[in-house]
């Protein structure tokens, strides 16, 4: 955990509630995670965890690149680029991407008449009561929309089959120290 002092007022999302709030200049915090283009902060004075967008890295005295490498979307086939983008989406409480957590149940690419593509993703969460579900799905949708040639992206949360820890990839299990 890296200590930081908020350098300017910054918009944050409370975890796991997903409530937007503002952290004031001068607030002391600890960076607990910097992955997928966002920062997760522990803010003792505000009683919990908060997510800060990479675009606001300067409020933490950081560069947006410090929030984790983001694919450029250049080169390779669209399906590979989609999976790489999805691997930049993280639950702010877990340092493993949604693909390696086994949360993405399916992905389909549909060609559109205008030459663009629509992406449909079915994903779940580690628990139905996770307050960050809508935020994680929104993050995935925005990252998919940033890919060249994508005109539409739908990310649907589903609950069947229920997620279990056995769905975590070998890479995710290693990162979590489960093996």
N, C-alpha and C. Protein backbone atom coordinates (compact mmCIF):
# COMPACT_ATOMS: atom_id res chain seq x y z
N UNK A 1 0.85 -1.18 0.00
CA UNK A 1 0.00 0.00 0.00
C UNK A 1 0.89 1.24 0.00
N UNK A 2 0.67 2.07 -0.99
CA UNK A 2 1.47 3.30 -1.14
C UNK A 2 0.68 4.50 -0.62
N UNK A 3 1.25 5.21 0.36
CA UNK A 3 0.54 6.40 0.87
C UNK A 3 0.58 7.54 -0.14
N UNK A 4 -0.55 8.25 -0.26
CA UNK A 4 -0.64 9.44 -1.12
C UNK A 4 -1.51 10.47 -0.42
N UNK A 5 -1.34 11.72 -0.84
CA UNK A 5 -2.21 12.79 -0.39
C UNK A 5 -2.91 13.33 -1.63
N UNK A 6 -4.22 13.46 -1.57
CA UNK A 6 -4.99 13.93 -2.72
C UNK A 6 -4.56 15.37 -3.02
N UNK A 7 -4.07 15.58 -4.26
CA UNK A 7 -3.51 16.87 -4.66
C UNK A 7 -4.56 17.88 -5.11
N UNK A 8 -5.73 17.39 -5.49
CA UNK A 8 -6.83 18.25 -5.91
C UNK A 8 -8.12 17.49 -5.70
N UNK A 9 -9.23 18.20 -5.67
CA UNK A 9 -10.53 17.56 -5.56
C UNK A 9 -10.68 16.57 -6.72
N UNK A 10 -11.19 15.37 -6.43
CA UNK A 10 -11.29 14.36 -7.47
C UNK A 10 -12.55 13.51 -7.28
N UNK A 11 -13.17 13.15 -8.40
CA UNK A 11 -14.33 12.28 -8.36
C UNK A 11 -13.88 10.86 -8.08
N UNK A 12 -14.62 10.17 -7.21
CA UNK A 12 -14.31 8.80 -6.85
C UNK A 12 -15.60 7.99 -6.79
N UNK A 13 -15.45 6.67 -6.88
CA UNK A 13 -16.59 5.77 -6.75
C UNK A 13 -16.35 4.91 -5.52
N UNK A 14 -17.30 4.96 -4.59
CA UNK A 14 -17.16 4.18 -3.36
C UNK A 14 -17.36 2.70 -3.67
N UNK A 15 -16.52 1.87 -3.04
CA UNK A 15 -16.55 0.43 -3.24
C UNK A 15 -17.08 -0.21 -1.96
N UNK A 16 -18.00 -1.13 -2.00
CA UNK A 16 -18.61 -1.72 -3.18
C UNK A 16 -19.93 -1.05 -3.59
N UNK A 17 -20.36 -0.02 -2.89
CA UNK A 17 -21.67 0.59 -3.15
C UNK A 17 -21.82 1.14 -4.56
N UNK A 18 -20.71 1.61 -5.15
CA UNK A 18 -20.79 2.21 -6.48
C UNK A 18 -21.26 3.65 -6.47
N UNK A 19 -21.35 4.25 -5.30
CA UNK A 19 -21.80 5.63 -5.16
C UNK A 19 -20.69 6.60 -5.54
N UNK A 20 -21.03 7.57 -6.39
CA UNK A 20 -20.06 8.59 -6.76
C UNK A 20 -19.95 9.61 -5.64
N UNK A 21 -18.72 10.04 -5.39
CA UNK A 21 -18.46 11.01 -4.35
C UNK A 21 -17.26 11.85 -4.77
N UNK A 22 -16.94 12.84 -3.99
CA UNK A 22 -15.76 13.67 -4.25
C UNK A 22 -14.80 13.56 -3.07
N UNK A 23 -13.56 13.29 -3.37
CA UNK A 23 -12.52 13.31 -2.35
C UNK A 23 -11.85 14.67 -2.41
N UNK A 24 -11.72 15.31 -1.26
CA UNK A 24 -11.21 16.67 -1.20
C UNK A 24 -9.68 16.70 -1.24
N UNK A 25 -9.16 17.83 -1.66
CA UNK A 25 -7.72 18.08 -1.65
C UNK A 25 -7.21 17.91 -0.22
N UNK A 26 -6.05 17.26 -0.09
CA UNK A 26 -5.42 17.10 1.20
C UNK A 26 -5.76 15.82 1.94
N UNK A 27 -6.76 15.09 1.47
CA UNK A 27 -7.14 13.83 2.12
C UNK A 27 -6.00 12.82 1.97
N UNK A 28 -5.71 12.12 3.06
CA UNK A 28 -4.67 11.09 3.02
C UNK A 28 -5.30 9.75 2.64
N UNK A 29 -4.60 9.00 1.79
CA UNK A 29 -5.12 7.73 1.29
C UNK A 29 -3.95 6.79 1.02
N UNK A 30 -4.31 5.55 0.70
CA UNK A 30 -3.32 4.54 0.34
C UNK A 30 -3.76 3.88 -0.95
N UNK A 31 -2.86 3.81 -1.93
CA UNK A 31 -3.16 3.11 -3.17
C UNK A 31 -3.01 1.62 -2.89
N UNK A 32 -4.11 0.88 -3.03
CA UNK A 32 -4.07 -0.56 -2.79
C UNK A 32 -3.98 -1.35 -4.08
N UNK A 33 -4.36 -0.72 -5.20
CA UNK A 33 -4.34 -1.40 -6.49
C UNK A 33 -4.29 -0.37 -7.60
N UNK A 34 -3.48 -0.64 -8.61
CA UNK A 34 -3.41 0.21 -9.79
C UNK A 34 -3.40 -0.73 -11.00
N UNK A 35 -4.60 -1.04 -11.50
CA UNK A 35 -4.74 -2.01 -12.57
C UNK A 35 -5.85 -1.60 -13.53
N UNK A 36 -5.69 -1.95 -14.80
CA UNK A 36 -6.75 -1.75 -15.77
C UNK A 36 -7.15 -0.32 -16.00
N UNK A 37 -6.24 0.61 -15.73
CA UNK A 37 -6.54 2.01 -15.99
C UNK A 37 -7.22 2.72 -14.84
N UNK A 38 -7.30 2.10 -13.67
CA UNK A 38 -7.90 2.75 -12.50
C UNK A 38 -7.04 2.52 -11.27
N UNK A 39 -7.30 3.31 -10.25
CA UNK A 39 -6.63 3.18 -8.96
C UNK A 39 -7.68 2.83 -7.91
N UNK A 40 -7.34 1.94 -7.00
CA UNK A 40 -8.19 1.68 -5.84
C UNK A 40 -7.48 2.27 -4.63
N UNK A 41 -8.21 3.07 -3.88
CA UNK A 41 -7.65 3.74 -2.70
C UNK A 41 -8.35 3.29 -1.43
N UNK A 42 -7.57 3.11 -0.38
CA UNK A 42 -8.11 2.97 0.97
C UNK A 42 -8.04 4.37 1.56
N UNK A 43 -9.18 4.89 2.00
CA UNK A 43 -9.24 6.25 2.54
C UNK A 43 -9.78 6.16 3.97
N UNK A 44 -8.88 6.07 4.96
CA UNK A 44 -9.32 5.90 6.35
C UNK A 44 -10.30 6.97 6.84
N UNK A 45 -10.08 8.22 6.47
CA UNK A 45 -10.97 9.29 6.96
C UNK A 45 -12.38 9.20 6.39
N UNK A 46 -12.54 8.46 5.29
CA UNK A 46 -13.84 8.31 4.66
C UNK A 46 -14.39 6.90 4.86
N UNK A 47 -13.65 6.08 5.61
CA UNK A 47 -14.14 4.77 6.00
C UNK A 47 -14.26 3.72 4.93
N UNK A 48 -13.34 3.68 3.96
CA UNK A 48 -13.45 2.59 3.00
C UNK A 48 -12.59 2.72 1.78
N UNK A 49 -12.99 1.95 0.77
CA UNK A 49 -12.29 1.89 -0.51
C UNK A 49 -12.99 2.77 -1.54
N UNK A 50 -12.17 3.33 -2.45
CA UNK A 50 -12.69 4.17 -3.52
C UNK A 50 -11.91 3.89 -4.80
N UNK A 51 -12.59 3.99 -5.94
CA UNK A 51 -11.95 3.83 -7.24
C UNK A 51 -11.79 5.20 -7.88
N UNK A 52 -10.59 5.45 -8.42
CA UNK A 52 -10.28 6.69 -9.12
C UNK A 52 -9.93 6.34 -10.56
N UNK A 53 -10.49 7.05 -11.52
CA UNK A 53 -10.18 6.81 -12.93
C UNK A 53 -8.74 7.21 -13.24
N UNK A 54 -8.13 6.49 -14.16
CA UNK A 54 -6.75 6.77 -14.56
C UNK A 54 -6.57 8.19 -15.08
N UNK A 55 -7.63 8.75 -15.68
CA UNK A 55 -7.53 10.12 -16.20
C UNK A 55 -7.30 11.14 -15.08
N UNK A 56 -7.62 10.74 -13.85
CA UNK A 56 -7.43 11.61 -12.69
C UNK A 56 -6.17 11.26 -11.90
N UNK A 57 -5.25 10.56 -12.54
CA UNK A 57 -4.02 10.13 -11.86
C UNK A 57 -3.25 11.29 -11.25
N UNK A 58 -3.32 12.47 -11.88
CA UNK A 58 -2.58 13.62 -11.36
C UNK A 58 -3.04 14.01 -9.96
N UNK A 59 -4.28 13.72 -9.61
CA UNK A 59 -4.78 14.03 -8.27
C UNK A 59 -4.08 13.18 -7.21
N UNK A 60 -3.43 12.10 -7.67
CA UNK A 60 -2.69 11.22 -6.77
C UNK A 60 -1.18 11.40 -6.92
N UNK A 61 -0.79 12.38 -7.75
CA UNK A 61 0.63 12.58 -8.01
C UNK A 61 1.19 11.52 -8.95
N UNK A 62 0.32 10.95 -9.76
CA UNK A 62 0.69 9.87 -10.66
C UNK A 62 0.43 10.25 -12.11
N UNK A 63 0.93 9.40 -12.99
CA UNK A 63 0.69 9.51 -14.43
C UNK A 63 -0.38 8.47 -14.77
N UNK A 64 -1.26 8.73 -15.74
CA UNK A 64 -2.27 7.73 -16.10
C UNK A 64 -1.68 6.35 -16.41
N UNK A 65 -0.47 6.32 -16.95
CA UNK A 65 0.17 5.03 -17.25
C UNK A 65 0.44 4.22 -15.98
N UNK A 66 0.51 4.89 -14.82
CA UNK A 66 0.75 4.19 -13.56
C UNK A 66 -0.44 3.32 -13.16
N UNK A 67 -1.57 3.50 -13.80
CA UNK A 67 -2.77 2.74 -13.47
C UNK A 67 -2.81 1.40 -14.20
N UNK A 68 -1.74 1.02 -14.85
CA UNK A 68 -1.70 -0.25 -15.56
C UNK A 68 -1.79 -0.04 -17.05
N UNK A 69 -1.05 -0.85 -17.76
CA UNK A 69 -0.99 -0.74 -19.22
C UNK A 69 -2.34 -1.06 -19.84
N UNK A 70 -2.71 -0.26 -20.81
CA UNK A 70 -3.95 -0.47 -21.54
C UNK A 70 -3.60 -0.85 -22.97
N UNK A 71 -4.27 -1.86 -23.54
CA UNK A 71 -3.99 -2.20 -24.93
C UNK A 71 -4.32 -1.03 -25.85
N UNK A 72 -3.60 -0.93 -26.93
CA UNK A 72 -3.82 0.17 -27.86
C UNK A 72 -4.95 -0.13 -28.83
N UNK A 73 -5.31 -1.40 -28.97
CA UNK A 73 -6.34 -1.76 -29.92
C UNK A 73 -5.80 -1.87 -31.33
N UNK A 74 -4.51 -1.74 -31.49
CA UNK A 74 -3.91 -1.80 -32.82
C UNK A 74 -3.39 -3.21 -33.09
N UNK A 75 -3.54 -3.65 -34.31
CA UNK A 75 -3.00 -4.94 -34.72
C UNK A 75 -3.83 -6.10 -34.20
N UNK A 76 -3.66 -7.25 -34.83
CA UNK A 76 -4.38 -8.44 -34.39
C UNK A 76 -5.81 -8.44 -34.84
N UNK A 77 -6.44 -9.60 -34.67
CA UNK A 77 -7.84 -9.71 -35.07
C UNK A 77 -8.74 -9.14 -33.97
N UNK A 78 -9.95 -8.77 -34.34
CA UNK A 78 -10.87 -8.11 -33.42
C UNK A 78 -11.15 -8.96 -32.20
N UNK A 79 -11.36 -10.25 -32.38
CA UNK A 79 -11.68 -11.10 -31.23
C UNK A 79 -10.54 -11.09 -30.21
N UNK A 80 -9.30 -11.16 -30.67
CA UNK A 80 -8.16 -11.10 -29.74
C UNK A 80 -8.10 -9.76 -29.03
N UNK A 81 -8.37 -8.67 -29.77
CA UNK A 81 -8.36 -7.34 -29.15
C UNK A 81 -9.46 -7.23 -28.09
N UNK A 82 -10.62 -7.83 -28.35
CA UNK A 82 -11.71 -7.79 -27.39
C UNK A 82 -11.29 -8.48 -26.10
N UNK A 83 -10.72 -9.67 -26.21
CA UNK A 83 -10.30 -10.39 -25.00
C UNK A 83 -9.22 -9.61 -24.25
N UNK A 84 -8.32 -8.97 -24.98
CA UNK A 84 -7.29 -8.17 -24.32
C UNK A 84 -7.90 -6.98 -23.59
N UNK A 85 -8.91 -6.34 -24.20
CA UNK A 85 -9.59 -5.23 -23.53
C UNK A 85 -10.30 -5.72 -22.27
N UNK A 86 -10.97 -6.85 -22.36
CA UNK A 86 -11.68 -7.38 -21.19
C UNK A 86 -10.71 -7.71 -20.05
N UNK A 87 -9.49 -8.06 -20.42
CA UNK A 87 -8.47 -8.36 -19.39
C UNK A 87 -7.97 -7.09 -18.70
N UNK A 88 -8.43 -5.92 -19.14
CA UNK A 88 -8.06 -4.67 -18.45
C UNK A 88 -9.15 -4.24 -17.47
N UNK A 89 -10.19 -5.06 -17.32
CA UNK A 89 -11.30 -4.75 -16.41
C UNK A 89 -11.11 -5.53 -15.12
N UNK A 90 -11.18 -4.82 -14.00
CA UNK A 90 -10.93 -5.42 -12.70
C UNK A 90 -12.03 -5.08 -11.72
N UNK A 91 -12.34 -6.02 -10.87
CA UNK A 91 -13.11 -5.72 -9.67
C UNK A 91 -12.14 -4.94 -8.80
N UNK A 92 -12.50 -3.77 -8.31
CA UNK A 92 -11.54 -2.95 -7.56
C UNK A 92 -11.06 -3.58 -6.25
N UNK A 93 -11.71 -4.64 -5.82
CA UNK A 93 -11.28 -5.30 -4.59
C UNK A 93 -10.41 -6.53 -4.84
N UNK A 94 -10.30 -6.96 -6.10
CA UNK A 94 -9.58 -8.19 -6.42
C UNK A 94 -8.55 -7.88 -7.50
N UNK A 95 -7.28 -8.21 -7.28
CA UNK A 95 -6.24 -7.87 -8.26
C UNK A 95 -6.12 -8.85 -9.43
N UNK A 96 -7.25 -9.36 -9.91
CA UNK A 96 -7.28 -10.28 -11.05
C UNK A 96 -8.35 -9.77 -12.01
N UNK A 97 -8.05 -9.77 -13.31
CA UNK A 97 -9.01 -9.25 -14.29
C UNK A 97 -10.24 -10.17 -14.40
N UNK A 98 -11.31 -9.63 -14.98
CA UNK A 98 -12.58 -10.35 -15.03
C UNK A 98 -12.51 -11.62 -15.89
N UNK A 99 -11.61 -11.66 -16.86
CA UNK A 99 -11.46 -12.87 -17.69
C UNK A 99 -10.82 -13.97 -16.85
N UNK A 100 -9.69 -13.66 -16.20
CA UNK A 100 -9.00 -14.67 -15.40
C UNK A 100 -9.76 -15.05 -14.14
N UNK A 101 -10.67 -14.18 -13.67
CA UNK A 101 -11.53 -14.55 -12.55
C UNK A 101 -12.62 -15.54 -12.98
N UNK A 102 -12.79 -15.69 -14.30
CA UNK A 102 -13.84 -16.57 -14.80
C UNK A 102 -15.21 -15.93 -14.81
N UNK A 103 -15.24 -14.60 -14.82
CA UNK A 103 -16.52 -13.89 -14.79
C UNK A 103 -17.14 -13.73 -16.18
N UNK A 104 -16.33 -13.83 -17.23
CA UNK A 104 -16.86 -13.67 -18.59
C UNK A 104 -17.29 -15.05 -19.09
N UNK A 105 -18.59 -15.21 -19.27
CA UNK A 105 -19.15 -16.49 -19.70
C UNK A 105 -19.20 -16.63 -21.21
N UNK A 106 -19.24 -15.54 -21.91
CA UNK A 106 -19.30 -15.63 -23.36
C UNK A 106 -19.15 -14.29 -24.02
N UNK A 107 -18.67 -14.32 -25.26
CA UNK A 107 -18.49 -13.11 -26.04
C UNK A 107 -18.81 -13.45 -27.49
N UNK A 108 -19.57 -12.57 -28.13
CA UNK A 108 -19.94 -12.77 -29.53
C UNK A 108 -19.74 -11.48 -30.30
N UNK A 109 -19.18 -11.61 -31.49
CA UNK A 109 -18.98 -10.46 -32.37
C UNK A 109 -19.96 -10.60 -33.53
N UNK A 110 -20.73 -9.54 -33.76
CA UNK A 110 -21.71 -9.55 -34.86
C UNK A 110 -21.37 -8.44 -35.84
N UNK A 111 -21.18 -8.83 -37.09
CA UNK A 111 -20.92 -7.86 -38.15
C UNK A 111 -22.19 -7.05 -38.42
N UNK A 112 -22.03 -5.75 -38.59
CA UNK A 112 -23.15 -4.86 -38.89
C UNK A 112 -23.13 -4.51 -40.38
N UNK A 113 -24.26 -4.06 -40.91
CA UNK A 113 -24.37 -3.74 -42.33
C UNK A 113 -23.40 -2.64 -42.77
N UNK A 114 -23.03 -1.76 -41.84
CA UNK A 114 -22.15 -0.65 -42.21
C UNK A 114 -20.66 -0.99 -42.10
N UNK A 115 -20.36 -2.28 -41.86
CA UNK A 115 -18.96 -2.70 -41.78
C UNK A 115 -18.38 -2.67 -40.37
N UNK A 116 -19.14 -2.14 -39.42
CA UNK A 116 -18.67 -2.12 -38.03
C UNK A 116 -19.12 -3.41 -37.34
N UNK A 117 -18.84 -3.48 -36.05
CA UNK A 117 -19.18 -4.68 -35.30
C UNK A 117 -19.89 -4.35 -34.00
N UNK A 118 -20.79 -5.25 -33.63
CA UNK A 118 -21.46 -5.18 -32.33
C UNK A 118 -20.88 -6.31 -31.48
N UNK A 119 -20.54 -6.00 -30.24
CA UNK A 119 -19.99 -6.99 -29.33
C UNK A 119 -21.02 -7.25 -28.24
N UNK A 120 -21.28 -8.53 -27.99
CA UNK A 120 -22.18 -8.91 -26.92
C UNK A 120 -21.41 -9.78 -25.93
N UNK A 121 -21.39 -9.36 -24.68
CA UNK A 121 -20.67 -10.08 -23.63
C UNK A 121 -21.66 -10.48 -22.55
N UNK A 122 -21.55 -11.71 -22.11
CA UNK A 122 -22.31 -12.21 -20.96
C UNK A 122 -21.29 -12.43 -19.85
N UNK A 123 -21.53 -11.79 -18.71
CA UNK A 123 -20.62 -11.95 -17.58
C UNK A 123 -21.40 -12.04 -16.29
N UNK A 124 -20.71 -12.48 -15.26
CA UNK A 124 -21.31 -12.58 -13.94
C UNK A 124 -20.42 -11.88 -12.93
N UNK A 125 -20.73 -12.02 -11.68
CA UNK A 125 -19.93 -11.45 -10.59
C UNK A 125 -19.63 -12.55 -9.59
N UNK A 126 -18.68 -12.30 -8.71
CA UNK A 126 -18.36 -13.30 -7.70
C UNK A 126 -19.49 -13.47 -6.71
N UNK A 127 -20.34 -12.46 -6.57
CA UNK A 127 -21.51 -12.54 -5.68
C UNK A 127 -22.62 -11.66 -6.25
N UNK A 128 -23.86 -12.15 -6.19
CA UNK A 128 -24.98 -11.38 -6.74
C UNK A 128 -25.15 -10.03 -6.05
N UNK A 129 -24.80 -9.92 -4.81
CA UNK A 129 -24.98 -8.67 -4.08
C UNK A 129 -23.87 -7.66 -4.29
N UNK A 130 -22.91 -7.94 -5.17
CA UNK A 130 -21.78 -7.03 -5.39
C UNK A 130 -22.29 -5.69 -5.92
N UNK A 131 -22.05 -4.65 -5.15
CA UNK A 131 -22.50 -3.32 -5.53
C UNK A 131 -21.74 -2.72 -6.69
N UNK A 132 -20.59 -3.30 -7.04
CA UNK A 132 -19.78 -2.77 -8.14
C UNK A 132 -20.13 -3.39 -9.48
N UNK A 133 -21.11 -4.29 -9.52
CA UNK A 133 -21.46 -4.99 -10.75
C UNK A 133 -21.74 -4.07 -11.92
N UNK A 134 -22.59 -3.09 -11.71
CA UNK A 134 -22.93 -2.17 -12.80
C UNK A 134 -21.71 -1.37 -13.23
N UNK A 135 -20.87 -1.00 -12.28
CA UNK A 135 -19.66 -0.25 -12.59
C UNK A 135 -18.67 -1.08 -13.41
N UNK A 136 -18.50 -2.35 -13.03
CA UNK A 136 -17.59 -3.23 -13.76
C UNK A 136 -18.11 -3.45 -15.18
N UNK A 137 -19.40 -3.68 -15.33
CA UNK A 137 -20.00 -3.88 -16.66
C UNK A 137 -19.85 -2.61 -17.51
N UNK A 138 -20.06 -1.45 -16.90
CA UNK A 138 -19.92 -0.17 -17.61
C UNK A 138 -18.48 0.03 -18.06
N UNK A 139 -17.52 -0.30 -17.19
CA UNK A 139 -16.10 -0.20 -17.53
C UNK A 139 -15.79 -1.09 -18.74
N UNK A 140 -16.29 -2.33 -18.71
CA UNK A 140 -16.05 -3.26 -19.83
C UNK A 140 -16.65 -2.70 -21.12
N UNK A 141 -17.88 -2.20 -21.05
CA UNK A 141 -18.54 -1.67 -22.24
C UNK A 141 -17.74 -0.49 -22.82
N UNK A 142 -17.32 0.44 -21.97
CA UNK A 142 -16.56 1.60 -22.46
C UNK A 142 -15.24 1.18 -23.10
N UNK A 143 -14.57 0.22 -22.53
CA UNK A 143 -13.30 -0.24 -23.09
C UNK A 143 -13.51 -0.94 -24.42
N UNK A 144 -14.61 -1.67 -24.55
CA UNK A 144 -14.90 -2.32 -25.83
C UNK A 144 -15.27 -1.31 -26.90
N UNK A 145 -16.00 -0.27 -26.50
CA UNK A 145 -16.38 0.77 -27.46
C UNK A 145 -15.17 1.55 -27.98
N UNK A 146 -14.06 1.50 -27.25
CA UNK A 146 -12.85 2.21 -27.67
C UNK A 146 -12.09 1.47 -28.76
N UNK A 147 -12.47 0.23 -29.04
CA UNK A 147 -11.79 -0.54 -30.07
C UNK A 147 -12.18 -0.06 -31.46
N UNK A 148 -11.23 -0.05 -32.40
CA UNK A 148 -11.55 0.38 -33.76
C UNK A 148 -12.55 -0.58 -34.41
N UNK A 149 -13.54 0.01 -35.09
CA UNK A 149 -14.52 -0.79 -35.81
C UNK A 149 -15.68 -1.28 -34.98
N UNK A 150 -15.72 -0.90 -33.70
CA UNK A 150 -16.82 -1.33 -32.83
C UNK A 150 -17.83 -0.19 -32.73
N UNK A 151 -19.07 -0.48 -33.13
CA UNK A 151 -20.12 0.55 -33.11
C UNK A 151 -21.08 0.37 -31.95
N UNK A 152 -21.08 -0.82 -31.35
CA UNK A 152 -21.99 -1.09 -30.25
C UNK A 152 -21.42 -2.19 -29.38
N UNK A 153 -21.64 -2.08 -28.08
CA UNK A 153 -21.20 -3.12 -27.14
C UNK A 153 -22.25 -3.26 -26.06
N UNK A 154 -22.66 -4.49 -25.82
CA UNK A 154 -23.60 -4.80 -24.75
C UNK A 154 -22.91 -5.74 -23.77
N UNK A 155 -22.93 -5.39 -22.51
CA UNK A 155 -22.38 -6.25 -21.46
C UNK A 155 -23.52 -6.56 -20.51
N UNK A 156 -23.97 -7.80 -20.54
CA UNK A 156 -25.10 -8.23 -19.72
C UNK A 156 -24.61 -9.04 -18.53
N UNK A 157 -25.13 -8.71 -17.34
CA UNK A 157 -24.84 -9.49 -16.15
C UNK A 157 -25.83 -10.64 -16.07
N UNK A 158 -25.30 -11.86 -15.91
CA UNK A 158 -26.12 -13.06 -15.81
C UNK A 158 -25.73 -13.81 -14.55
N UNK A 159 -26.60 -14.67 -14.09
CA UNK A 159 -26.35 -15.38 -12.83
C UNK A 159 -26.37 -16.89 -12.98
N UNK A 160 -26.53 -17.36 -14.20
CA UNK A 160 -26.58 -18.79 -14.44
C UNK A 160 -25.55 -19.16 -15.50
N UNK A 161 -24.61 -20.00 -15.18
CA UNK A 161 -24.46 -20.72 -13.92
C UNK A 161 -23.85 -19.81 -12.85
N UNK A 162 -24.10 -20.13 -11.59
CA UNK A 162 -23.50 -19.34 -10.52
C UNK A 162 -21.98 -19.45 -10.57
N UNK A 163 -21.29 -18.35 -10.29
CA UNK A 163 -19.83 -18.34 -10.29
C UNK A 163 -19.31 -19.13 -9.09
N UNK A 164 -18.20 -19.84 -9.29
CA UNK A 164 -17.51 -20.52 -8.20
C UNK A 164 -16.01 -20.26 -8.35
N UNK A 165 -15.24 -20.37 -7.29
CA UNK A 165 -13.79 -20.14 -7.39
C UNK A 165 -13.09 -21.10 -8.36
N UNK A 166 -13.70 -22.23 -8.67
CA UNK A 166 -13.10 -23.16 -9.63
C UNK A 166 -13.04 -22.58 -11.03
N UNK A 167 -13.77 -21.49 -11.29
CA UNK A 167 -13.78 -20.85 -12.60
C UNK A 167 -12.58 -19.94 -12.83
N UNK A 168 -11.80 -19.70 -11.79
CA UNK A 168 -10.61 -18.84 -11.90
C UNK A 168 -9.55 -19.56 -12.73
N UNK A 169 -8.96 -18.85 -13.68
CA UNK A 169 -7.93 -19.43 -14.54
C UNK A 169 -6.68 -19.77 -13.72
N UNK A 170 -5.79 -20.61 -14.26
CA UNK A 170 -4.54 -20.90 -13.56
C UNK A 170 -3.73 -19.61 -13.26
N UNK A 171 -3.74 -18.65 -14.19
CA UNK A 171 -3.03 -17.39 -13.99
C UNK A 171 -3.64 -16.62 -12.83
N UNK A 172 -4.98 -16.58 -12.79
CA UNK A 172 -5.68 -15.89 -11.70
C UNK A 172 -5.44 -16.56 -10.36
N UNK A 173 -5.44 -17.89 -10.35
CA UNK A 173 -5.21 -18.63 -9.11
C UNK A 173 -3.81 -18.35 -8.59
N UNK A 174 -2.85 -18.28 -9.51
CA UNK A 174 -1.48 -17.98 -9.10
C UNK A 174 -1.38 -16.58 -8.50
N UNK A 175 -2.01 -15.61 -9.17
CA UNK A 175 -1.99 -14.23 -8.70
C UNK A 175 -2.62 -14.09 -7.30
N UNK A 176 -3.64 -14.88 -7.05
CA UNK A 176 -4.32 -14.84 -5.76
C UNK A 176 -3.66 -15.73 -4.70
N UNK A 177 -2.64 -16.49 -5.13
CA UNK A 177 -1.95 -17.38 -4.20
C UNK A 177 -2.78 -18.59 -3.82
N UNK A 178 -3.65 -19.05 -4.72
CA UNK A 178 -4.52 -20.19 -4.42
C UNK A 178 -3.88 -21.53 -4.78
N UNK A 179 -2.81 -21.51 -5.53
CA UNK A 179 -2.13 -22.76 -5.89
C UNK A 179 -0.74 -22.83 -5.30
